[in-house]
Amino acid sequence: MRLIYYIFVLFILFAGEAVAQNKNTARKLFQQGKYDEAKPMFQKLLKRYPQNAEYNYWYAVCCYETNDSVDILPMLEYAASRKISNAYRYLGDYHASLLGYPQAISYYGDFVDMTPDETLREEYRKRLSNISRLNRMVMNCEKICFLDSFV
C-alpha cells in the first residue's frame, strides 16, 4: 500500500513539473512574438486551469494576434478584472477595431494609469488622444440618408 502511495506522489510531482515546463516554454514563445506556436500550449493550460487570469490573458492575446475567430472578450475582461494591466491594452485595441470608441477610451485610460513602462505609456497616451478625437468626430456627425427614386 505504501508503494502505491509513493508512486502516486511521484506521479503528481512529475505531472506538476511537466505543466511548469510547458508554461515556461509557452511564455518564452509568447515573449518572442511567436503567437502561433504558443497558442496551442496556452489552450491546453487554459482548459486545465480555466480560472487562471494569466492563462486567459495569454491565450486571448495569442488569438488576437493570429486573427483567430475565438471570442476573446470574456477572457480579456476576466484578466482585466484580476488587474493584469496589459489586458486593458488589448481590450482597448479590440474595441477600437470594432469602432467602440467610448469603451476603447475607457480601457486605454486604465492601461495608461496602470502601466509602469514610460515609453509604452506615452505611446498609448497619443493613441488615447487620437481615439478621443475620433469619438468626438463620430458623435458630432449626423447620419445622412439618401433617397433616390425613379419616376
N, C-alpha and C. Protein backbone atom coordinates (compact mmCIF):
# COMPACT_ATOMS: atom_id res chain seq x y z
N MET A 1 0.82 -1.19 0.00
CA MET A 1 0.00 0.00 0.00
C MET A 1 0.87 1.26 0.00
N ARG A 2 1.94 1.21 0.78
CA ARG A 2 2.84 2.37 0.81
C ARG A 2 3.50 2.59 -0.54
N LEU A 3 3.81 1.52 -1.22
CA LEU A 3 4.44 1.62 -2.53
C LEU A 3 3.52 2.34 -3.51
N ILE A 4 2.24 2.04 -3.48
CA ILE A 4 1.28 2.71 -4.36
C ILE A 4 1.19 4.19 -4.01
N TYR A 5 1.22 4.49 -2.72
CA TYR A 5 1.18 5.89 -2.28
C TYR A 5 2.40 6.65 -2.79
N TYR A 6 3.58 6.07 -2.67
CA TYR A 6 4.81 6.72 -3.14
C TYR A 6 4.81 6.90 -4.66
N ILE A 7 4.31 5.93 -5.36
CA ILE A 7 4.22 6.04 -6.82
C ILE A 7 3.26 7.15 -7.20
N PHE A 8 2.15 7.24 -6.49
CA PHE A 8 1.17 8.29 -6.76
C PHE A 8 1.78 9.67 -6.50
N VAL A 9 2.51 9.83 -5.42
CA VAL A 9 3.16 11.11 -5.09
C VAL A 9 4.19 11.47 -6.15
N LEU A 10 4.98 10.52 -6.58
CA LEU A 10 5.96 10.77 -7.63
C LEU A 10 5.29 11.16 -8.94
N PHE A 11 4.18 10.52 -9.26
CA PHE A 11 3.44 10.86 -10.47
C PHE A 11 2.94 12.30 -10.41
N ILE A 12 2.40 12.71 -9.27
CA ILE A 12 1.92 14.08 -9.10
C ILE A 12 3.07 15.07 -9.25
N LEU A 13 4.20 14.77 -8.69
CA LEU A 13 5.36 15.68 -8.80
C LEU A 13 5.83 15.81 -10.25
N PHE A 14 5.90 14.70 -10.96
CA PHE A 14 6.34 14.76 -12.35
C PHE A 14 5.31 15.46 -13.23
N ALA A 15 4.04 15.27 -12.97
CA ALA A 15 3.00 15.95 -13.74
C ALA A 15 3.06 17.45 -13.51
N GLY A 16 3.27 17.86 -12.27
CA GLY A 16 3.41 19.28 -11.96
C GLY A 16 4.62 19.89 -12.63
N GLU A 17 5.70 19.15 -12.70
CA GLU A 17 6.92 19.62 -13.37
C GLU A 17 6.68 19.78 -14.86
N ALA A 18 5.93 18.86 -15.47
CA ALA A 18 5.64 18.96 -16.90
C ALA A 18 4.79 20.18 -17.20
N VAL A 19 3.81 20.49 -16.34
CA VAL A 19 2.97 21.67 -16.54
C VAL A 19 3.82 22.94 -16.42
N ALA A 20 4.71 22.98 -15.43
CA ALA A 20 5.57 24.16 -15.26
C ALA A 20 6.50 24.34 -16.45
N GLN A 21 7.04 23.25 -16.97
CA GLN A 21 7.92 23.34 -18.12
C GLN A 21 7.15 23.79 -19.35
N ASN A 22 5.93 23.30 -19.54
CA ASN A 22 5.09 23.70 -20.66
C ASN A 22 4.76 25.19 -20.55
N LYS A 23 4.47 25.65 -19.34
CA LYS A 23 4.15 27.06 -19.12
C LYS A 23 5.35 27.94 -19.46
N ASN A 24 6.54 27.53 -19.02
CA ASN A 24 7.74 28.32 -19.30
C ASN A 24 8.06 28.37 -20.78
N THR A 25 7.89 27.26 -21.47
CA THR A 25 8.13 27.23 -22.91
C THR A 25 7.13 28.12 -23.64
N ALA A 26 5.87 28.02 -23.27
CA ALA A 26 4.84 28.83 -23.92
C ALA A 26 5.07 30.32 -23.64
N ARG A 27 5.47 30.63 -22.44
CA ARG A 27 5.71 32.04 -22.09
C ARG A 27 6.90 32.62 -22.87
N LYS A 28 7.95 31.82 -23.05
CA LYS A 28 9.09 32.28 -23.84
C LYS A 28 8.68 32.53 -25.29
N LEU A 29 7.90 31.63 -25.85
CA LEU A 29 7.41 31.82 -27.22
C LEU A 29 6.54 33.07 -27.31
N PHE A 30 5.71 33.30 -26.30
CA PHE A 30 4.84 34.48 -26.26
C PHE A 30 5.68 35.76 -26.23
N GLN A 31 6.70 35.78 -25.41
CA GLN A 31 7.55 36.97 -25.30
C GLN A 31 8.36 37.22 -26.57
N GLN A 32 8.64 36.17 -27.33
CA GLN A 32 9.36 36.32 -28.58
C GLN A 32 8.43 36.70 -29.73
N GLY A 33 7.13 36.72 -29.48
CA GLY A 33 6.16 37.08 -30.51
C GLY A 33 5.75 35.92 -31.39
N LYS A 34 6.04 34.70 -30.98
CA LYS A 34 5.66 33.51 -31.75
C LYS A 34 4.32 33.00 -31.24
N TYR A 35 3.28 33.77 -31.57
CA TYR A 35 1.96 33.50 -31.02
C TYR A 35 1.36 32.22 -31.59
N ASP A 36 1.66 31.89 -32.85
CA ASP A 36 1.12 30.66 -33.45
C ASP A 36 1.59 29.42 -32.71
N GLU A 37 2.85 29.43 -32.29
CA GLU A 37 3.40 28.27 -31.60
C GLU A 37 2.96 28.21 -30.15
N ALA A 38 2.76 29.36 -29.53
CA ALA A 38 2.39 29.39 -28.11
C ALA A 38 0.90 29.13 -27.89
N LYS A 39 0.09 29.41 -28.89
CA LYS A 39 -1.36 29.32 -28.71
C LYS A 39 -1.84 27.92 -28.31
N PRO A 40 -1.40 26.83 -28.95
CA PRO A 40 -1.90 25.51 -28.51
C PRO A 40 -1.47 25.15 -27.09
N MET A 41 -0.29 25.60 -26.69
CA MET A 41 0.16 25.33 -25.33
C MET A 41 -0.70 26.05 -24.31
N PHE A 42 -1.01 27.33 -24.60
CA PHE A 42 -1.85 28.08 -23.68
C PHE A 42 -3.28 27.55 -23.69
N GLN A 43 -3.72 27.03 -24.82
CA GLN A 43 -5.06 26.46 -24.89
C GLN A 43 -5.17 25.25 -23.96
N LYS A 44 -4.14 24.40 -23.97
CA LYS A 44 -4.14 23.24 -23.07
C LYS A 44 -4.11 23.68 -21.61
N LEU A 45 -3.27 24.67 -21.32
CA LEU A 45 -3.19 25.16 -19.94
C LEU A 45 -4.50 25.81 -19.50
N LEU A 46 -5.15 26.52 -20.41
CA LEU A 46 -6.41 27.17 -20.09
C LEU A 46 -7.52 26.15 -19.86
N LYS A 47 -7.51 25.07 -20.63
CA LYS A 47 -8.51 24.02 -20.41
C LYS A 47 -8.30 23.35 -19.05
N ARG A 48 -7.06 23.25 -18.66
CA ARG A 48 -6.75 22.62 -17.38
C ARG A 48 -7.03 23.55 -16.20
N TYR A 49 -6.73 24.83 -16.37
CA TYR A 49 -6.90 25.83 -15.31
C TYR A 49 -7.71 27.02 -15.85
N PRO A 50 -9.02 26.89 -15.99
CA PRO A 50 -9.80 27.97 -16.62
C PRO A 50 -9.92 29.23 -15.77
N GLN A 51 -9.66 29.15 -14.47
CA GLN A 51 -9.78 30.32 -13.61
C GLN A 51 -8.46 31.08 -13.45
N ASN A 52 -7.43 30.69 -14.17
CA ASN A 52 -6.15 31.37 -14.09
C ASN A 52 -6.19 32.59 -15.02
N ALA A 53 -6.04 33.76 -14.44
CA ALA A 53 -6.15 35.00 -15.22
C ALA A 53 -5.02 35.15 -16.23
N GLU A 54 -3.82 34.71 -15.87
CA GLU A 54 -2.69 34.83 -16.79
C GLU A 54 -2.90 33.96 -18.03
N TYR A 55 -3.39 32.74 -17.85
CA TYR A 55 -3.64 31.87 -18.99
C TYR A 55 -4.74 32.44 -19.87
N ASN A 56 -5.76 33.01 -19.26
CA ASN A 56 -6.82 33.67 -20.04
C ASN A 56 -6.23 34.80 -20.87
N TYR A 57 -5.39 35.62 -20.25
CA TYR A 57 -4.78 36.75 -20.95
C TYR A 57 -3.87 36.27 -22.08
N TRP A 58 -2.98 35.34 -21.78
CA TRP A 58 -2.02 34.89 -22.79
C TRP A 58 -2.72 34.23 -23.98
N TYR A 59 -3.70 33.39 -23.70
CA TYR A 59 -4.40 32.73 -24.80
C TYR A 59 -5.20 33.74 -25.63
N ALA A 60 -5.85 34.69 -24.98
CA ALA A 60 -6.62 35.70 -25.70
C ALA A 60 -5.72 36.56 -26.59
N VAL A 61 -4.55 36.93 -26.10
CA VAL A 61 -3.62 37.72 -26.90
C VAL A 61 -3.11 36.90 -28.09
N CYS A 62 -2.83 35.63 -27.87
CA CYS A 62 -2.40 34.78 -28.99
C CYS A 62 -3.49 34.70 -30.06
N CYS A 63 -4.74 34.57 -29.63
CA CYS A 63 -5.84 34.52 -30.59
C CYS A 63 -6.00 35.86 -31.30
N TYR A 64 -5.85 36.96 -30.57
CA TYR A 64 -5.99 38.30 -31.16
C TYR A 64 -4.88 38.55 -32.19
N GLU A 65 -3.66 38.20 -31.84
CA GLU A 65 -2.53 38.46 -32.73
C GLU A 65 -2.52 37.56 -33.95
N THR A 66 -3.14 36.39 -33.85
CA THR A 66 -3.19 35.48 -35.00
C THR A 66 -4.51 35.59 -35.75
N ASN A 67 -5.34 36.56 -35.38
CA ASN A 67 -6.65 36.78 -36.03
C ASN A 67 -7.52 35.54 -35.99
N ASP A 68 -7.52 34.86 -34.86
CA ASP A 68 -8.37 33.69 -34.68
C ASP A 68 -9.79 34.16 -34.36
N SER A 69 -10.76 33.37 -34.73
CA SER A 69 -12.15 33.78 -34.56
C SER A 69 -12.72 33.44 -33.18
N VAL A 70 -11.87 33.08 -32.24
CA VAL A 70 -12.31 32.76 -30.88
C VAL A 70 -12.79 34.04 -30.21
N ASP A 71 -13.85 33.95 -29.41
CA ASP A 71 -14.38 35.12 -28.69
C ASP A 71 -13.45 35.42 -27.51
N ILE A 72 -12.60 36.42 -27.69
CA ILE A 72 -11.58 36.73 -26.69
C ILE A 72 -12.06 37.72 -25.64
N LEU A 73 -13.18 38.36 -25.88
CA LEU A 73 -13.65 39.40 -24.98
C LEU A 73 -13.85 38.91 -23.54
N PRO A 74 -14.51 37.77 -23.29
CA PRO A 74 -14.66 37.33 -21.90
C PRO A 74 -13.32 37.01 -21.23
N MET A 75 -12.39 36.45 -21.99
CA MET A 75 -11.09 36.11 -21.42
C MET A 75 -10.32 37.37 -21.03
N LEU A 76 -10.33 38.37 -21.92
CA LEU A 76 -9.63 39.62 -21.61
C LEU A 76 -10.30 40.36 -20.45
N GLU A 77 -11.63 40.35 -20.41
CA GLU A 77 -12.32 41.01 -19.30
C GLU A 77 -12.03 40.32 -17.98
N TYR A 78 -11.93 38.99 -17.99
CA TYR A 78 -11.59 38.27 -16.77
C TYR A 78 -10.17 38.62 -16.32
N ALA A 79 -9.24 38.67 -17.28
CA ALA A 79 -7.86 39.03 -16.93
C ALA A 79 -7.79 40.46 -16.41
N ALA A 80 -8.56 41.37 -17.00
CA ALA A 80 -8.57 42.76 -16.53
C ALA A 80 -9.19 42.85 -15.13
N SER A 81 -10.17 42.03 -14.84
CA SER A 81 -10.78 42.05 -13.51
C SER A 81 -9.79 41.57 -12.45
N ARG A 82 -8.80 40.81 -12.86
CA ARG A 82 -7.75 40.35 -11.96
C ARG A 82 -6.51 41.26 -11.99
N LYS A 83 -6.69 42.45 -12.58
CA LYS A 83 -5.68 43.52 -12.59
C LYS A 83 -4.42 43.17 -13.38
N ILE A 84 -4.59 42.49 -14.50
CA ILE A 84 -3.47 42.31 -15.43
C ILE A 84 -3.50 43.52 -16.36
N SER A 85 -2.52 44.40 -16.22
CA SER A 85 -2.58 45.72 -16.87
C SER A 85 -2.60 45.63 -18.40
N ASN A 86 -1.87 44.71 -18.97
CA ASN A 86 -1.83 44.61 -20.44
C ASN A 86 -3.16 44.14 -21.02
N ALA A 87 -4.02 43.55 -20.21
CA ALA A 87 -5.34 43.14 -20.69
C ALA A 87 -6.14 44.38 -21.09
N TYR A 88 -5.96 45.49 -20.37
CA TYR A 88 -6.65 46.73 -20.71
C TYR A 88 -6.20 47.24 -22.08
N ARG A 89 -4.95 47.05 -22.37
CA ARG A 89 -4.41 47.48 -23.68
C ARG A 89 -5.10 46.73 -24.81
N TYR A 90 -5.20 45.41 -24.68
CA TYR A 90 -5.82 44.61 -25.73
C TYR A 90 -7.32 44.79 -25.78
N LEU A 91 -7.95 45.06 -24.63
CA LEU A 91 -9.36 45.38 -24.64
C LEU A 91 -9.61 46.69 -25.40
N GLY A 92 -8.74 47.67 -25.20
CA GLY A 92 -8.85 48.92 -25.95
C GLY A 92 -8.65 48.70 -27.44
N ASP A 93 -7.66 47.90 -27.80
CA ASP A 93 -7.41 47.60 -29.21
C ASP A 93 -8.60 46.87 -29.83
N TYR A 94 -9.16 45.94 -29.07
CA TYR A 94 -10.30 45.15 -29.56
C TYR A 94 -11.50 46.07 -29.84
N HIS A 95 -11.82 46.93 -28.88
CA HIS A 95 -12.98 47.82 -29.06
C HIS A 95 -12.72 48.88 -30.12
N ALA A 96 -11.49 49.35 -30.22
CA ALA A 96 -11.18 50.34 -31.26
C ALA A 96 -11.32 49.73 -32.64
N SER A 97 -10.95 48.46 -32.79
CA SER A 97 -11.09 47.82 -34.09
C SER A 97 -12.55 47.61 -34.47
N LEU A 98 -13.43 47.54 -33.47
CA LEU A 98 -14.87 47.38 -33.73
C LEU A 98 -15.61 48.72 -33.70
N LEU A 99 -14.86 49.81 -33.69
CA LEU A 99 -15.39 51.18 -33.65
C LEU A 99 -16.18 51.46 -32.37
N GLY A 100 -15.84 50.79 -31.30
CA GLY A 100 -16.44 51.06 -30.00
C GLY A 100 -15.55 52.03 -29.25
N TYR A 101 -15.55 53.28 -29.72
CA TYR A 101 -14.60 54.26 -29.20
C TYR A 101 -14.78 54.59 -27.71
N PRO A 102 -15.99 54.72 -27.19
CA PRO A 102 -16.10 55.03 -25.75
C PRO A 102 -15.48 53.94 -24.86
N GLN A 103 -15.70 52.67 -25.22
CA GLN A 103 -15.10 51.58 -24.45
C GLN A 103 -13.59 51.59 -24.59
N ALA A 104 -13.11 51.84 -25.82
CA ALA A 104 -11.67 51.87 -26.06
C ALA A 104 -11.02 52.99 -25.24
N ILE A 105 -11.67 54.14 -25.17
CA ILE A 105 -11.13 55.26 -24.38
C ILE A 105 -11.01 54.86 -22.91
N SER A 106 -12.03 54.20 -22.41
CA SER A 106 -12.02 53.77 -21.01
C SER A 106 -10.88 52.79 -20.74
N TYR A 107 -10.73 51.79 -21.60
CA TYR A 107 -9.69 50.79 -21.39
C TYR A 107 -8.29 51.36 -21.60
N TYR A 108 -8.12 52.21 -22.60
CA TYR A 108 -6.81 52.85 -22.80
C TYR A 108 -6.45 53.73 -21.61
N GLY A 109 -7.42 54.43 -21.05
CA GLY A 109 -7.16 55.25 -19.88
C GLY A 109 -6.71 54.41 -18.70
N ASP A 110 -7.36 53.27 -18.49
CA ASP A 110 -6.95 52.36 -17.41
C ASP A 110 -5.55 51.82 -17.67
N PHE A 111 -5.25 51.50 -18.93
CA PHE A 111 -3.93 50.98 -19.25
C PHE A 111 -2.85 52.02 -19.00
N VAL A 112 -3.11 53.26 -19.39
CA VAL A 112 -2.13 54.33 -19.18
C VAL A 112 -1.88 54.54 -17.69
N ASP A 113 -2.93 54.43 -16.89
CA ASP A 113 -2.79 54.61 -15.45
C ASP A 113 -2.02 53.47 -14.79
N MET A 114 -2.14 52.25 -15.33
CA MET A 114 -1.57 51.08 -14.67
C MET A 114 -0.19 50.67 -15.14
N THR A 115 0.20 51.03 -16.36
CA THR A 115 1.45 50.50 -16.90
C THR A 115 2.67 51.20 -16.29
N PRO A 116 3.69 50.44 -15.96
CA PRO A 116 4.90 51.05 -15.40
C PRO A 116 5.89 51.53 -16.47
N ASP A 117 5.74 51.06 -17.71
CA ASP A 117 6.66 51.41 -18.79
C ASP A 117 6.33 52.80 -19.34
N GLU A 118 7.27 53.73 -19.21
CA GLU A 118 7.01 55.13 -19.59
C GLU A 118 6.88 55.30 -21.11
N THR A 119 7.67 54.58 -21.91
CA THR A 119 7.56 54.72 -23.36
C THR A 119 6.22 54.18 -23.86
N LEU A 120 5.80 53.06 -23.30
CA LEU A 120 4.51 52.49 -23.66
C LEU A 120 3.38 53.40 -23.21
N ARG A 121 3.55 54.02 -22.05
CA ARG A 121 2.54 54.95 -21.54
C ARG A 121 2.38 56.14 -22.47
N GLU A 122 3.49 56.69 -22.98
CA GLU A 122 3.43 57.83 -23.91
C GLU A 122 2.76 57.42 -25.22
N GLU A 123 3.12 56.25 -25.72
CA GLU A 123 2.52 55.77 -26.97
C GLU A 123 1.01 55.65 -26.83
N TYR A 124 0.56 55.12 -25.71
CA TYR A 124 -0.88 54.93 -25.54
C TYR A 124 -1.59 56.21 -25.12
N ARG A 125 -0.89 57.18 -24.59
CA ARG A 125 -1.49 58.49 -24.39
C ARG A 125 -1.81 59.13 -25.73
N LYS A 126 -0.89 58.99 -26.69
CA LYS A 126 -1.13 59.51 -28.04
C LYS A 126 -2.31 58.76 -28.68
N ARG A 127 -2.31 57.46 -28.53
CA ARG A 127 -3.40 56.66 -29.10
C ARG A 127 -4.73 57.04 -28.44
N LEU A 128 -4.71 57.28 -27.15
CA LEU A 128 -5.91 57.70 -26.43
C LEU A 128 -6.40 59.05 -26.94
N SER A 129 -5.47 59.95 -27.21
CA SER A 129 -5.83 61.26 -27.75
C SER A 129 -6.47 61.11 -29.14
N ASN A 130 -5.89 60.27 -29.97
CA ASN A 130 -6.44 60.05 -31.32
C ASN A 130 -7.82 59.41 -31.27
N ILE A 131 -7.99 58.43 -30.41
CA ILE A 131 -9.29 57.77 -30.28
C ILE A 131 -10.32 58.75 -29.74
N SER A 132 -9.92 59.62 -28.82
CA SER A 132 -10.86 60.63 -28.28
C SER A 132 -11.31 61.58 -29.38
N ARG A 133 -10.37 61.97 -30.23
CA ARG A 133 -10.75 62.84 -31.36
C ARG A 133 -11.69 62.12 -32.32
N LEU A 134 -11.41 60.87 -32.60
CA LEU A 134 -12.29 60.09 -33.47
C LEU A 134 -13.68 59.96 -32.86
N ASN A 135 -13.74 59.74 -31.56
CA ASN A 135 -15.03 59.61 -30.90
C ASN A 135 -15.82 60.92 -30.98
N ARG A 136 -15.15 62.06 -30.76
CA ARG A 136 -15.84 63.35 -30.88
C ARG A 136 -16.33 63.57 -32.29
N MET A 137 -15.53 63.19 -33.27
CA MET A 137 -15.92 63.36 -34.66
C MET A 137 -17.14 62.52 -35.01
N VAL A 138 -17.14 61.28 -34.54
CA VAL A 138 -18.27 60.40 -34.81
C VAL A 138 -19.52 60.90 -34.10
N MET A 139 -19.37 61.39 -32.89
CA MET A 139 -20.53 61.86 -32.13
C MET A 139 -21.12 63.15 -32.71
N ASN A 140 -20.29 63.94 -33.39
CA ASN A 140 -20.76 65.20 -33.94
C ASN A 140 -21.28 65.07 -35.38
N CYS A 141 -21.17 63.92 -35.94
CA CYS A 141 -21.68 63.70 -37.30
C CYS A 141 -23.11 63.21 -37.22
N GLU A 142 -23.87 63.61 -38.17
CA GLU A 142 -25.24 63.12 -38.25
C GLU A 142 -25.30 62.07 -39.34
N LYS A 143 -26.19 61.16 -39.16
CA LYS A 143 -26.37 60.14 -40.18
C LYS A 143 -27.23 60.74 -41.30
N ILE A 144 -26.76 60.55 -42.49
CA ILE A 144 -27.46 61.11 -43.66
C ILE A 144 -27.97 59.94 -44.48
N CYS A 145 -29.21 60.05 -44.87
CA CYS A 145 -29.83 59.01 -45.66
C CYS A 145 -30.18 59.61 -47.02
N PHE A 146 -29.76 58.99 -48.08
CA PHE A 146 -30.06 59.46 -49.44
C PHE A 146 -31.19 58.61 -49.99
N LEU A 147 -32.19 59.28 -50.45
CA LEU A 147 -33.30 58.58 -51.10
C LEU A 147 -33.26 58.93 -52.57
N ASP A 148 -33.32 57.93 -53.35
CA ASP A 148 -33.29 58.14 -54.78
C ASP A 148 -34.48 57.39 -55.36
N SER A 149 -35.22 58.05 -56.20
CA SER A 149 -36.37 57.38 -56.77
C SER A 149 -36.40 57.60 -58.27
N PHE A 150 -36.93 56.64 -58.92
CA PHE A 150 -37.11 56.73 -60.36
C PHE A 150 -38.61 56.92 -60.62
N VAL A 151 -38.91 57.84 -61.52
CA VAL A 151 -40.33 58.08 -61.82
C VAL A 151 -40.69 57.34 -63.10
